Structure formats: structure tokens, C-alpha cells
Amino acid sequence: MAAWPIFSNSMEARYFASLVPLVNCFRLVVNGLSLAADKGLVKSVTREGSPQELLRGPLYYVLILILCAIVYWRESPTGVISLAMMCGGDGIADIIGRRFGSQKLPYNHKKSWAGSISMFVCGFLISIGMLCYFSSLGYFQLDWTMTLQRVALVSLVATVVESLPITEVLDDNISVPLSSMLMAFWSFGY
């Protein structure tokens, strides 16, 4: 997403930018179906070391990247916030939660207060940073007082959704960006 501004203003630019996650999508599928064996890939993006794991969270992650690039591109805060919450907020929550997450949430013992707090704070800060970046380049103009409130609301909703004990039903690489998209679209209107 940070590299999107280097692309041209043509309509095709969003599709060209989607090629990198698309190539990664194919790599995940090929290795997840065991049509090829890239042990380094499996080790680097899975938690349990199983190639089939590539067809869940990591695959959903690149599919959301492709979706946001094609649908929202640089024209909407919705895509920027959704990716910031998924990549930054949820990514940091996992790291901080594993390292400092001894106090678990009362309704989900697989999640911690440290992870959830870091998701909210980092998701909020990364979203604001990326919105400032895109806004300074003229892709959209924002009322910053309202933007801070709206992003805080989106961050709160995404954090609550990520903390719910629903991972057996819905992977957080789907639930976090989709809840962020819905709230950001509702908040910003585009």
C-alpha cells in the first residue's frame, strides 16, 4: 500500500499493483496443495508448519490485499484503513500478544489484553499515518477532527472483532479487514 503512489494514475495501475500479491497467491495455492514444496515459505508464514495452513490465513491475507488494491486503490480511506488494521494492527497484536500476553481476555483465553491493546493503538496509529500520507499526496481530503474519531471507532470495532472466539469459524485475516471495511465505509461514506 505504501508503494501505491509510485504507480501511474491510469485505471490499469491498480491491476498492475495487484500482480505482486497475485503471484504470492499462486505460490500459496501451489505449495498449500503440495504441488511444490517450498519449506522456507511454509516455515515463514505458518504457525504449525503444515503446507495446508497456507490455504487459510496467509491466502486470505493476499486475497484481501488484492481486493483492496482493485476496489479501493488510492481513492478511498476505507481500503487504507482496512489494510492498516489487518497488516499493522492485527500483525502487531500477534507479536505483542505472544510476547507479553500473560493476562488473557475473560471471554477468549487465546487472546490477551496486551495483544488487543496493541492492536487498537497500532492499528489506529498506522491508519492515521497512512491516511496522512495519502492525503498529503492529494488522493483525498479529510476533516482531521472527524477522521481521528472515525478511525478510533474503526480500530475499536476491528479490535473487538479480532478478540472474539470465532477463529474456528472465521479467520481474522477475513474478519478484521471486512469489519474495518464496513465500519470505514459507514464512517467515511466511500
N, C-alpha and C. Protein backbone atom coordinates (compact mmCIF):
# COMPACT_ATOMS: atom_id res chain seq x y z
N MET A 1 0.82 -1.19 0.00
CA MET A 1 0.00 0.00 0.00
C MET A 1 0.87 1.26 0.00
N ALA A 2 1.94 1.24 0.75
CA ALA A 2 2.82 2.42 0.79
C ALA A 2 3.43 2.71 -0.57
N ALA A 3 3.53 1.71 -1.43
CA ALA A 3 4.11 1.89 -2.76
C ALA A 3 3.07 2.29 -3.80
N TRP A 4 1.80 2.28 -3.48
CA TRP A 4 0.78 2.63 -4.46
C TRP A 4 0.99 3.98 -5.12
N PRO A 5 1.46 5.00 -4.40
CA PRO A 5 1.66 6.30 -5.06
C PRO A 5 2.70 6.31 -6.18
N ILE A 6 3.58 5.33 -6.24
CA ILE A 6 4.57 5.33 -7.33
C ILE A 6 3.95 4.89 -8.66
N PHE A 7 2.75 4.35 -8.63
CA PHE A 7 2.09 3.91 -9.85
C PHE A 7 1.43 5.09 -10.56
N SER A 8 1.17 4.92 -11.83
CA SER A 8 0.54 5.98 -12.62
C SER A 8 -0.90 6.17 -12.19
N ASN A 9 -1.54 7.17 -12.77
CA ASN A 9 -2.94 7.44 -12.49
C ASN A 9 -3.89 6.68 -13.41
N SER A 10 -3.35 5.83 -14.26
CA SER A 10 -4.22 5.08 -15.18
C SER A 10 -5.06 4.06 -14.42
N MET A 11 -6.17 3.69 -14.99
CA MET A 11 -7.06 2.70 -14.38
C MET A 11 -6.36 1.36 -14.22
N GLU A 12 -5.45 1.04 -15.12
CA GLU A 12 -4.77 -0.25 -15.10
C GLU A 12 -3.75 -0.35 -13.97
N ALA A 13 -3.34 0.77 -13.38
CA ALA A 13 -2.30 0.77 -12.35
C ALA A 13 -2.69 -0.11 -11.17
N ARG A 14 -3.95 -0.07 -10.77
CA ARG A 14 -4.41 -0.88 -9.63
C ARG A 14 -4.26 -2.37 -9.91
N TYR A 15 -4.47 -2.76 -11.16
CA TYR A 15 -4.33 -4.17 -11.54
C TYR A 15 -2.85 -4.57 -11.59
N PHE A 16 -2.04 -3.66 -12.08
CA PHE A 16 -0.60 -3.91 -12.12
C PHE A 16 -0.05 -4.05 -10.70
N ALA A 17 -0.51 -3.18 -9.79
CA ALA A 17 -0.06 -3.25 -8.39
C ALA A 17 -0.52 -4.54 -7.72
N SER A 18 -1.60 -5.11 -8.21
CA SER A 18 -2.12 -6.36 -7.64
C SER A 18 -1.35 -7.59 -8.09
N LEU A 19 -0.44 -7.42 -9.04
CA LEU A 19 0.32 -8.57 -9.53
C LEU A 19 1.20 -9.21 -8.46
N VAL A 20 1.81 -8.41 -7.61
CA VAL A 20 2.69 -8.97 -6.58
C VAL A 20 1.88 -9.85 -5.61
N PRO A 21 0.78 -9.35 -5.03
CA PRO A 21 0.01 -10.27 -4.18
C PRO A 21 -0.60 -11.43 -4.96
N LEU A 22 -0.89 -11.24 -6.24
CA LEU A 22 -1.43 -12.33 -7.05
C LEU A 22 -0.39 -13.44 -7.24
N VAL A 23 0.85 -13.06 -7.48
CA VAL A 23 1.93 -14.06 -7.59
C VAL A 23 2.07 -14.81 -6.27
N ASN A 24 2.01 -14.08 -5.16
CA ASN A 24 2.07 -14.72 -3.85
C ASN A 24 0.87 -15.63 -3.61
N CYS A 25 -0.28 -15.24 -4.13
CA CYS A 25 -1.48 -16.06 -4.04
C CYS A 25 -1.24 -17.41 -4.73
N PHE A 26 -0.69 -17.37 -5.93
CA PHE A 26 -0.40 -18.60 -6.66
C PHE A 26 0.63 -19.46 -5.92
N ARG A 27 1.65 -18.82 -5.37
CA ARG A 27 2.67 -19.56 -4.60
C ARG A 27 2.03 -20.27 -3.41
N LEU A 28 1.14 -19.58 -2.71
CA LEU A 28 0.48 -20.18 -1.56
C LEU A 28 -0.39 -21.36 -1.96
N VAL A 29 -1.13 -21.21 -3.05
CA VAL A 29 -2.01 -22.28 -3.52
C VAL A 29 -1.19 -23.50 -3.97
N VAL A 30 -0.17 -23.26 -4.78
CA VAL A 30 0.66 -24.36 -5.28
C VAL A 30 1.33 -25.11 -4.13
N ASN A 31 1.87 -24.40 -3.17
CA ASN A 31 2.53 -25.05 -2.04
C ASN A 31 1.51 -25.61 -1.04
N GLY A 32 0.39 -24.94 -0.88
CA GLY A 32 -0.64 -25.43 0.03
C GLY A 32 -1.28 -26.72 -0.45
N LEU A 33 -1.36 -26.89 -1.76
CA LEU A 33 -1.89 -28.12 -2.35
C LEU A 33 -0.79 -29.17 -2.53
N SER A 34 0.42 -28.86 -2.08
CA SER A 34 1.59 -29.73 -2.18
C SER A 34 1.95 -30.09 -3.62
N LEU A 35 1.69 -29.16 -4.54
CA LEU A 35 2.12 -29.33 -5.92
C LEU A 35 3.59 -28.98 -6.06
N ALA A 36 4.10 -28.25 -5.09
CA ALA A 36 5.52 -27.91 -4.98
C ALA A 36 5.84 -27.89 -3.49
N ALA A 37 7.09 -27.95 -3.16
CA ALA A 37 7.48 -27.98 -1.75
C ALA A 37 8.52 -26.91 -1.46
N ASP A 38 8.05 -25.78 -0.96
CA ASP A 38 8.94 -24.69 -0.56
C ASP A 38 8.91 -24.64 0.97
N LYS A 39 9.84 -25.35 1.60
CA LYS A 39 9.86 -25.44 3.06
C LYS A 39 10.08 -24.09 3.72
N GLY A 40 10.85 -23.23 3.06
CA GLY A 40 11.09 -21.88 3.59
C GLY A 40 9.81 -21.08 3.65
N LEU A 41 8.99 -21.18 2.59
CA LEU A 41 7.71 -20.47 2.56
C LEU A 41 6.80 -21.00 3.67
N VAL A 42 6.69 -22.30 3.77
CA VAL A 42 5.83 -22.91 4.78
C VAL A 42 6.28 -22.49 6.18
N LYS A 43 7.57 -22.55 6.44
CA LYS A 43 8.09 -22.19 7.76
C LYS A 43 7.88 -20.71 8.08
N SER A 44 8.01 -19.85 7.07
CA SER A 44 7.94 -18.41 7.32
C SER A 44 6.54 -17.86 7.50
N VAL A 45 5.51 -18.52 6.96
CA VAL A 45 4.17 -17.92 7.04
C VAL A 45 3.13 -18.81 7.72
N THR A 46 3.55 -19.93 8.29
CA THR A 46 2.59 -20.77 9.02
C THR A 46 3.00 -20.85 10.48
N ARG A 47 2.04 -21.21 11.31
CA ARG A 47 2.33 -21.35 12.74
C ARG A 47 2.66 -22.78 13.10
N GLU A 48 2.01 -23.73 12.43
CA GLU A 48 2.19 -25.14 12.77
C GLU A 48 3.10 -25.88 11.80
N GLY A 49 3.52 -25.23 10.71
CA GLY A 49 4.42 -25.85 9.76
C GLY A 49 3.78 -26.78 8.76
N SER A 50 2.47 -26.69 8.61
CA SER A 50 1.75 -27.54 7.67
C SER A 50 1.49 -26.78 6.37
N PRO A 51 1.79 -27.38 5.21
CA PRO A 51 1.52 -26.70 3.94
C PRO A 51 0.04 -26.34 3.75
N GLN A 52 -0.86 -27.13 4.29
CA GLN A 52 -2.30 -26.84 4.16
C GLN A 52 -2.68 -25.53 4.84
N GLU A 53 -1.89 -25.13 5.82
CA GLU A 53 -2.12 -23.86 6.51
C GLU A 53 -2.01 -22.67 5.56
N LEU A 54 -1.24 -22.84 4.49
CA LEU A 54 -1.08 -21.77 3.50
C LEU A 54 -2.40 -21.42 2.83
N LEU A 55 -3.33 -22.36 2.82
CA LEU A 55 -4.63 -22.16 2.15
C LEU A 55 -5.65 -21.48 3.06
N ARG A 56 -5.24 -21.10 4.25
CA ARG A 56 -6.14 -20.40 5.17
C ARG A 56 -5.65 -18.96 5.36
N GLY A 57 -5.19 -18.62 6.53
CA GLY A 57 -4.81 -17.25 6.86
C GLY A 57 -3.91 -16.54 5.86
N PRO A 58 -2.78 -17.14 5.47
CA PRO A 58 -1.91 -16.46 4.51
C PRO A 58 -2.58 -16.20 3.15
N LEU A 59 -3.39 -17.15 2.70
CA LEU A 59 -4.10 -16.97 1.43
C LEU A 59 -5.14 -15.87 1.55
N TYR A 60 -5.89 -15.86 2.65
CA TYR A 60 -6.89 -14.81 2.87
C TYR A 60 -6.24 -13.44 2.90
N TYR A 61 -5.05 -13.37 3.50
CA TYR A 61 -4.30 -12.13 3.62
C TYR A 61 -4.01 -11.54 2.24
N VAL A 62 -3.46 -12.35 1.32
CA VAL A 62 -3.14 -11.81 0.00
C VAL A 62 -4.41 -11.53 -0.81
N LEU A 63 -5.46 -12.30 -0.60
CA LEU A 63 -6.73 -12.02 -1.30
C LEU A 63 -7.31 -10.67 -0.86
N ILE A 64 -7.20 -10.35 0.42
CA ILE A 64 -7.67 -9.05 0.91
C ILE A 64 -6.80 -7.93 0.33
N LEU A 65 -5.48 -8.15 0.23
CA LEU A 65 -4.61 -7.15 -0.40
C LEU A 65 -5.05 -6.88 -1.84
N ILE A 66 -5.32 -7.94 -2.57
CA ILE A 66 -5.78 -7.79 -3.97
C ILE A 66 -7.11 -7.05 -4.01
N LEU A 67 -8.04 -7.46 -3.17
CA LEU A 67 -9.37 -6.82 -3.13
C LEU A 67 -9.26 -5.32 -2.85
N CYS A 68 -8.49 -4.95 -1.85
CA CYS A 68 -8.35 -3.52 -1.51
C CYS A 68 -7.67 -2.73 -2.62
N ALA A 69 -6.68 -3.32 -3.25
CA ALA A 69 -6.00 -2.62 -4.34
C ALA A 69 -6.95 -2.39 -5.51
N ILE A 70 -7.72 -3.39 -5.86
CA ILE A 70 -8.61 -3.27 -7.03
C ILE A 70 -9.84 -2.42 -6.73
N VAL A 71 -10.45 -2.64 -5.59
CA VAL A 71 -11.71 -1.95 -5.29
C VAL A 71 -11.48 -0.53 -4.78
N TYR A 72 -10.54 -0.36 -3.83
CA TYR A 72 -10.39 0.95 -3.18
C TYR A 72 -9.23 1.78 -3.71
N TRP A 73 -8.16 1.10 -4.09
CA TRP A 73 -6.96 1.74 -4.61
C TRP A 73 -6.58 2.94 -3.77
N ARG A 74 -6.33 4.07 -4.38
CA ARG A 74 -5.88 5.26 -3.65
C ARG A 74 -7.01 6.26 -3.44
N GLU A 75 -8.21 5.88 -3.81
CA GLU A 75 -9.31 6.84 -3.83
C GLU A 75 -10.16 6.86 -2.58
N SER A 76 -9.94 5.94 -1.64
CA SER A 76 -10.83 5.85 -0.50
C SER A 76 -10.06 5.54 0.78
N PRO A 77 -10.43 6.22 1.87
CA PRO A 77 -9.82 5.88 3.15
C PRO A 77 -10.19 4.46 3.60
N THR A 78 -11.27 3.92 3.08
CA THR A 78 -11.74 2.60 3.50
C THR A 78 -10.68 1.52 3.27
N GLY A 79 -10.12 1.47 2.08
CA GLY A 79 -9.10 0.47 1.78
C GLY A 79 -7.84 0.68 2.58
N VAL A 80 -7.45 1.93 2.75
CA VAL A 80 -6.24 2.26 3.52
C VAL A 80 -6.39 1.79 4.96
N ILE A 81 -7.52 2.10 5.58
CA ILE A 81 -7.75 1.72 6.97
C ILE A 81 -7.86 0.20 7.11
N SER A 82 -8.54 -0.44 6.18
CA SER A 82 -8.70 -1.90 6.24
C SER A 82 -7.36 -2.61 6.20
N LEU A 83 -6.51 -2.18 5.30
CA LEU A 83 -5.18 -2.79 5.21
C LEU A 83 -4.31 -2.45 6.42
N ALA A 84 -4.42 -1.23 6.90
CA ALA A 84 -3.64 -0.84 8.08
C ALA A 84 -4.05 -1.65 9.30
N MET A 85 -5.34 -1.90 9.45
CA MET A 85 -5.81 -2.70 10.58
C MET A 85 -5.39 -4.16 10.44
N MET A 86 -5.46 -4.70 9.22
CA MET A 86 -5.09 -6.10 9.03
C MET A 86 -3.58 -6.28 9.13
N CYS A 87 -2.83 -5.48 8.38
CA CYS A 87 -1.38 -5.65 8.32
C CYS A 87 -0.70 -5.13 9.58
N GLY A 88 -1.06 -3.94 9.98
CA GLY A 88 -0.41 -3.31 11.12
C GLY A 88 -1.01 -3.71 12.45
N GLY A 89 -2.29 -3.43 12.63
CA GLY A 89 -2.93 -3.70 13.91
C GLY A 89 -2.93 -5.16 14.29
N ASP A 90 -3.46 -6.00 13.42
CA ASP A 90 -3.54 -7.43 13.72
C ASP A 90 -2.15 -8.06 13.75
N GLY A 91 -1.27 -7.61 12.88
CA GLY A 91 0.09 -8.15 12.86
C GLY A 91 0.85 -7.85 14.14
N ILE A 92 0.74 -6.63 14.63
CA ILE A 92 1.41 -6.24 15.88
C ILE A 92 0.76 -6.94 17.07
N ALA A 93 -0.57 -7.09 17.04
CA ALA A 93 -1.28 -7.76 18.14
C ALA A 93 -0.75 -9.17 18.34
N ASP A 94 -0.50 -9.86 17.25
CA ASP A 94 0.01 -11.23 17.35
C ASP A 94 1.39 -11.24 18.00
N ILE A 95 2.26 -10.35 17.57
CA ILE A 95 3.62 -10.30 18.12
C ILE A 95 3.61 -9.91 19.60
N ILE A 96 2.91 -8.84 19.93
CA ILE A 96 2.87 -8.36 21.32
C ILE A 96 2.12 -9.36 22.20
N GLY A 97 1.03 -9.91 21.69
CA GLY A 97 0.25 -10.88 22.46
C GLY A 97 1.06 -12.11 22.81
N ARG A 98 1.85 -12.60 21.88
CA ARG A 98 2.69 -13.78 22.16
C ARG A 98 3.80 -13.46 23.16
N ARG A 99 4.33 -12.26 23.06
CA ARG A 99 5.48 -11.89 23.91
C ARG A 99 5.07 -11.45 25.31
N PHE A 100 4.00 -10.65 25.39
CA PHE A 100 3.62 -10.05 26.68
C PHE A 100 2.20 -10.41 27.12
N GLY A 101 1.58 -11.35 26.47
CA GLY A 101 0.17 -11.64 26.71
C GLY A 101 -0.14 -12.65 27.78
N SER A 102 0.35 -12.44 28.96
CA SER A 102 0.07 -13.38 30.05
C SER A 102 -1.35 -13.22 30.61
N GLN A 103 -1.88 -12.00 30.57
CA GLN A 103 -3.25 -11.77 31.07
C GLN A 103 -4.22 -11.91 29.91
N LYS A 104 -4.99 -12.99 29.96
CA LYS A 104 -5.91 -13.31 28.87
C LYS A 104 -7.24 -12.58 29.03
N LEU A 105 -7.93 -12.42 27.90
CA LEU A 105 -9.25 -11.80 27.93
C LEU A 105 -10.22 -12.77 28.60
N PRO A 106 -11.19 -12.26 29.37
CA PRO A 106 -12.10 -13.16 30.09
C PRO A 106 -13.00 -13.99 29.16
N TYR A 107 -13.28 -13.51 27.98
CA TYR A 107 -14.19 -14.21 27.07
C TYR A 107 -13.46 -14.99 25.97
N ASN A 108 -12.13 -14.86 25.91
CA ASN A 108 -11.35 -15.61 24.93
C ASN A 108 -9.94 -15.82 25.49
N HIS A 109 -9.68 -17.00 26.00
CA HIS A 109 -8.40 -17.28 26.64
C HIS A 109 -7.26 -17.49 25.65
N LYS A 110 -7.54 -17.39 24.35
CA LYS A 110 -6.48 -17.45 23.34
C LYS A 110 -5.96 -16.05 23.00
N LYS A 111 -6.65 -15.03 23.48
CA LYS A 111 -6.28 -13.63 23.21
C LYS A 111 -5.92 -12.95 24.52
N SER A 112 -5.08 -11.92 24.43
CA SER A 112 -4.63 -11.24 25.65
C SER A 112 -4.96 -9.75 25.61
N TRP A 113 -4.93 -9.17 26.80
CA TRP A 113 -5.12 -7.72 26.90
C TRP A 113 -4.00 -6.99 26.16
N ALA A 114 -2.78 -7.47 26.30
CA ALA A 114 -1.64 -6.81 25.65
C ALA A 114 -1.80 -6.83 24.14
N GLY A 115 -2.21 -7.96 23.58
CA GLY A 115 -2.42 -8.05 22.14
C GLY A 115 -3.54 -7.15 21.66
N SER A 116 -4.65 -7.13 22.40
CA SER A 116 -5.79 -6.30 22.00
C SER A 116 -5.48 -4.81 22.10
N ILE A 117 -4.83 -4.43 23.19
CA ILE A 117 -4.47 -3.00 23.34
C ILE A 117 -3.50 -2.58 22.24
N SER A 118 -2.52 -3.43 21.95
CA SER A 118 -1.56 -3.08 20.91
C SER A 118 -2.23 -3.05 19.54
N MET A 119 -3.23 -3.92 19.33
CA MET A 119 -3.94 -3.88 18.05
C MET A 119 -4.67 -2.55 17.89
N PHE A 120 -5.38 -2.14 18.92
CA PHE A 120 -6.10 -0.87 18.85
C PHE A 120 -5.14 0.30 18.61
N VAL A 121 -4.11 0.39 19.43
CA VAL A 121 -3.18 1.53 19.36
C VAL A 121 -2.41 1.54 18.03
N CYS A 122 -1.81 0.41 17.67
CA CYS A 122 -1.01 0.36 16.44
C CYS A 122 -1.89 0.46 15.20
N GLY A 123 -3.04 -0.20 15.22
CA GLY A 123 -3.96 -0.09 14.08
C GLY A 123 -4.40 1.35 13.87
N PHE A 124 -4.72 2.02 14.96
CA PHE A 124 -5.11 3.43 14.90
C PHE A 124 -3.98 4.29 14.36
N LEU A 125 -2.78 4.14 14.92
CA LEU A 125 -1.64 4.98 14.52
C LEU A 125 -1.21 4.72 13.08
N ILE A 126 -1.18 3.45 12.68
CA ILE A 126 -0.79 3.13 11.30
C ILE A 126 -1.85 3.63 10.33
N SER A 127 -3.12 3.49 10.69
CA SER A 127 -4.20 4.01 9.84
C SER A 127 -4.07 5.52 9.66
N ILE A 128 -3.87 6.24 10.76
CA ILE A 128 -3.72 7.69 10.69
C ILE A 128 -2.48 8.06 9.88
N GLY A 129 -1.39 7.37 10.10
CA GLY A 129 -0.17 7.65 9.34
C GLY A 129 -0.36 7.45 7.85
N MET A 130 -1.01 6.34 7.47
CA MET A 130 -1.23 6.09 6.05
C MET A 130 -2.25 7.07 5.46
N LEU A 131 -3.26 7.45 6.23
CA LEU A 131 -4.21 8.46 5.75
C LEU A 131 -3.52 9.80 5.55
N CYS A 132 -2.62 10.17 6.46
CA CYS A 132 -1.85 11.42 6.30
C CYS A 132 -1.01 11.35 5.03
N TYR A 133 -0.38 10.23 4.82
CA TYR A 133 0.46 10.00 3.64
C TYR A 133 -0.35 10.16 2.36
N PHE A 134 -1.47 9.46 2.25
CA PHE A 134 -2.29 9.52 1.04
C PHE A 134 -2.95 10.90 0.89
N SER A 135 -3.35 11.49 1.99
CA SER A 135 -3.95 12.82 1.95
C SER A 135 -2.93 13.87 1.51
N SER A 136 -1.70 13.77 2.02
CA SER A 136 -0.66 14.75 1.65
C SER A 136 -0.31 14.66 0.16
N LEU A 137 -0.56 13.50 -0.43
CA LEU A 137 -0.31 13.33 -1.87
C LEU A 137 -1.53 13.72 -2.71
N GLY A 138 -2.60 14.15 -2.05
CA GLY A 138 -3.77 14.65 -2.75
C GLY A 138 -4.78 13.62 -3.21
N TYR A 139 -4.71 12.40 -2.70
CA TYR A 139 -5.65 11.38 -3.15
C TYR A 139 -7.04 11.58 -2.56
N PHE A 140 -7.12 12.14 -1.35
CA PHE A 140 -8.40 12.52 -0.76
C PHE A 140 -8.14 13.56 0.31
N GLN A 141 -9.15 14.34 0.61
CA GLN A 141 -9.06 15.38 1.63
C GLN A 141 -9.92 14.96 2.82
N LEU A 142 -9.41 15.18 4.02
CA LEU A 142 -10.11 14.73 5.22
C LEU A 142 -10.25 15.85 6.24
N ASP A 143 -11.35 15.82 6.95
CA ASP A 143 -11.55 16.66 8.14
C ASP A 143 -10.89 15.89 9.27
N TRP A 144 -9.74 16.36 9.75
CA TRP A 144 -8.93 15.56 10.66
C TRP A 144 -9.55 15.35 12.02
N THR A 145 -10.34 16.27 12.50
CA THR A 145 -11.02 16.06 13.78
C THR A 145 -11.97 14.88 13.67
N MET A 146 -12.77 14.87 12.62
CA MET A 146 -13.70 13.76 12.40
C MET A 146 -12.95 12.47 12.04
N THR A 147 -11.88 12.60 11.29
CA THR A 147 -11.11 11.42 10.88
C THR A 147 -10.54 10.70 12.09
N LEU A 148 -9.99 11.43 13.05
CA LEU A 148 -9.45 10.80 14.25
C LEU A 148 -10.53 10.01 14.99
N GLN A 149 -11.72 10.59 15.10
CA GLN A 149 -12.83 9.90 15.78
C GLN A 149 -13.27 8.67 15.00
N ARG A 150 -13.38 8.81 13.70
CA ARG A 150 -13.82 7.70 12.87
C ARG A 150 -12.82 6.55 12.87
N VAL A 151 -11.55 6.88 12.78
CA VAL A 151 -10.53 5.83 12.79
C VAL A 151 -10.48 5.16 14.17
N ALA A 152 -10.68 5.92 15.23
CA ALA A 152 -10.73 5.32 16.57
C ALA A 152 -11.90 4.33 16.65
N LEU A 153 -13.04 4.69 16.08
CA LEU A 153 -14.20 3.78 16.08
C LEU A 153 -13.91 2.52 15.27
N VAL A 154 -13.33 2.68 14.08
CA VAL A 154 -12.98 1.53 13.25
C VAL A 154 -11.98 0.65 13.98
N SER A 155 -10.99 1.25 14.60
CA SER A 155 -9.98 0.49 15.34
C SER A 155 -10.58 -0.27 16.50
N LEU A 156 -11.52 0.35 17.18
CA LEU A 156 -12.19 -0.31 18.30
C LEU A 156 -13.00 -1.52 17.81
N VAL A 157 -13.77 -1.32 16.76
CA VAL A 157 -14.60 -2.42 16.23
C VAL A 157 -13.71 -3.56 15.73
N ALA A 158 -12.67 -3.24 14.98
CA ALA A 158 -11.76 -4.27 14.47
C ALA A 158 -11.08 -5.02 15.62
N THR A 159 -10.71 -4.30 16.67
CA THR A 159 -10.08 -4.92 17.83
C THR A 159 -11.04 -5.87 18.53
N VAL A 160 -12.27 -5.44 18.71
CA VAL A 160 -13.28 -6.29 19.35
C VAL A 160 -13.52 -7.53 18.49
N VAL A 161 -13.67 -7.35 17.19
CA VAL A 161 -13.90 -8.49 16.29
C VAL A 161 -12.73 -9.46 16.35
N GLU A 162 -11.50 -8.93 16.34
CA GLU A 162 -10.31 -9.80 16.39
C GLU A 162 -10.24 -10.57 17.70
N SER A 163 -10.77 -10.00 18.77
CA SER A 163 -10.67 -10.64 20.08
C SER A 163 -11.73 -11.71 20.31
N LEU A 164 -12.74 -11.76 19.48
CA LEU A 164 -13.83 -12.73 19.67
C LEU A 164 -13.36 -14.16 19.43
N PRO A 165 -13.94 -15.11 20.15
CA PRO A 165 -13.54 -16.51 19.97
C PRO A 165 -14.22 -17.16 18.76
N ILE A 166 -13.95 -16.61 17.57
CA ILE A 166 -14.60 -17.11 16.35
C ILE A 166 -13.62 -17.64 15.32
N THR A 167 -12.35 -17.81 15.70
CA THR A 167 -11.33 -18.17 14.70
C THR A 167 -11.56 -19.53 14.06
N GLU A 168 -12.29 -20.43 14.73
CA GLU A 168 -12.60 -21.71 14.10
C GLU A 168 -13.61 -21.53 12.97
N VAL A 169 -14.43 -20.49 13.09
CA VAL A 169 -15.46 -20.21 12.09
C VAL A 169 -14.98 -19.22 11.03
N LEU A 170 -14.31 -18.17 11.47
CA LEU A 170 -13.91 -17.09 10.57
C LEU A 170 -12.50 -16.61 10.93
N ASP A 171 -11.57 -16.79 10.01
CA ASP A 171 -10.18 -16.38 10.20
C ASP A 171 -10.10 -14.86 10.38
N ASP A 172 -9.20 -14.40 11.27
CA ASP A 172 -9.09 -12.96 11.49
C ASP A 172 -8.49 -12.21 10.32
N ASN A 173 -7.88 -12.91 9.37
CA ASN A 173 -7.44 -12.25 8.14
C ASN A 173 -8.61 -11.96 7.21
N ILE A 174 -9.79 -12.43 7.57
CA ILE A 174 -11.02 -12.06 6.87
C ILE A 174 -11.85 -11.14 7.76
N SER A 175 -12.05 -11.53 9.01
CA SER A 175 -12.94 -10.77 9.90
C SER A 175 -12.43 -9.36 10.20
N VAL A 176 -11.12 -9.21 10.40
CA VAL A 176 -10.58 -7.88 10.73
C VAL A 176 -10.70 -6.91 9.54
N PRO A 177 -10.22 -7.27 8.34
CA PRO A 177 -10.36 -6.30 7.25
C PRO A 177 -11.81 -6.07 6.82
N LEU A 178 -12.65 -7.11 6.87
CA LEU A 178 -14.05 -6.91 6.47
C LEU A 178 -14.79 -6.04 7.47
N SER A 179 -14.57 -6.25 8.77
CA SER A 179 -15.22 -5.37 9.75
C SER A 179 -14.67 -3.95 9.63
N SER A 180 -13.38 -3.83 9.34
CA SER A 180 -12.78 -2.49 9.14
C SER A 180 -13.38 -1.83 7.90
N MET A 181 -13.54 -2.60 6.83
CA MET A 181 -14.14 -2.05 5.59
C MET A 181 -15.56 -1.55 5.85
N LEU A 182 -16.35 -2.38 6.51
CA LEU A 182 -17.74 -1.99 6.77
C LEU A 182 -17.82 -0.74 7.64
N MET A 183 -17.05 -0.69 8.71
CA MET A 183 -17.08 0.47 9.60
C MET A 183 -16.50 1.72 8.92
N ALA A 184 -15.42 1.55 8.17
CA ALA A 184 -14.81 2.71 7.49
C ALA A 184 -15.76 3.23 6.41
N PHE A 185 -16.37 2.32 5.67
CA PHE A 185 -17.32 2.75 4.64
C PHE A 185 -18.50 3.46 5.28
N TRP A 186 -19.01 2.90 6.36
CA TRP A 186 -20.12 3.53 7.09
C TRP A 186 -19.70 4.90 7.64
N SER A 187 -18.48 5.02 8.14
CA SER A 187 -17.99 6.26 8.73
C SER A 187 -17.64 7.34 7.71
N PHE A 188 -16.96 6.92 6.62
CA PHE A 188 -16.47 7.88 5.64
C PHE A 188 -17.40 8.03 4.45
N GLY A 189 -18.21 7.03 4.16
CA GLY A 189 -19.16 7.10 3.06
C GLY A 189 -18.59 6.77 1.70
N TYR A 190 -17.33 6.38 1.63
CA TYR A 190 -16.72 5.97 0.36
C TYR A 190 -15.50 5.14 0.62
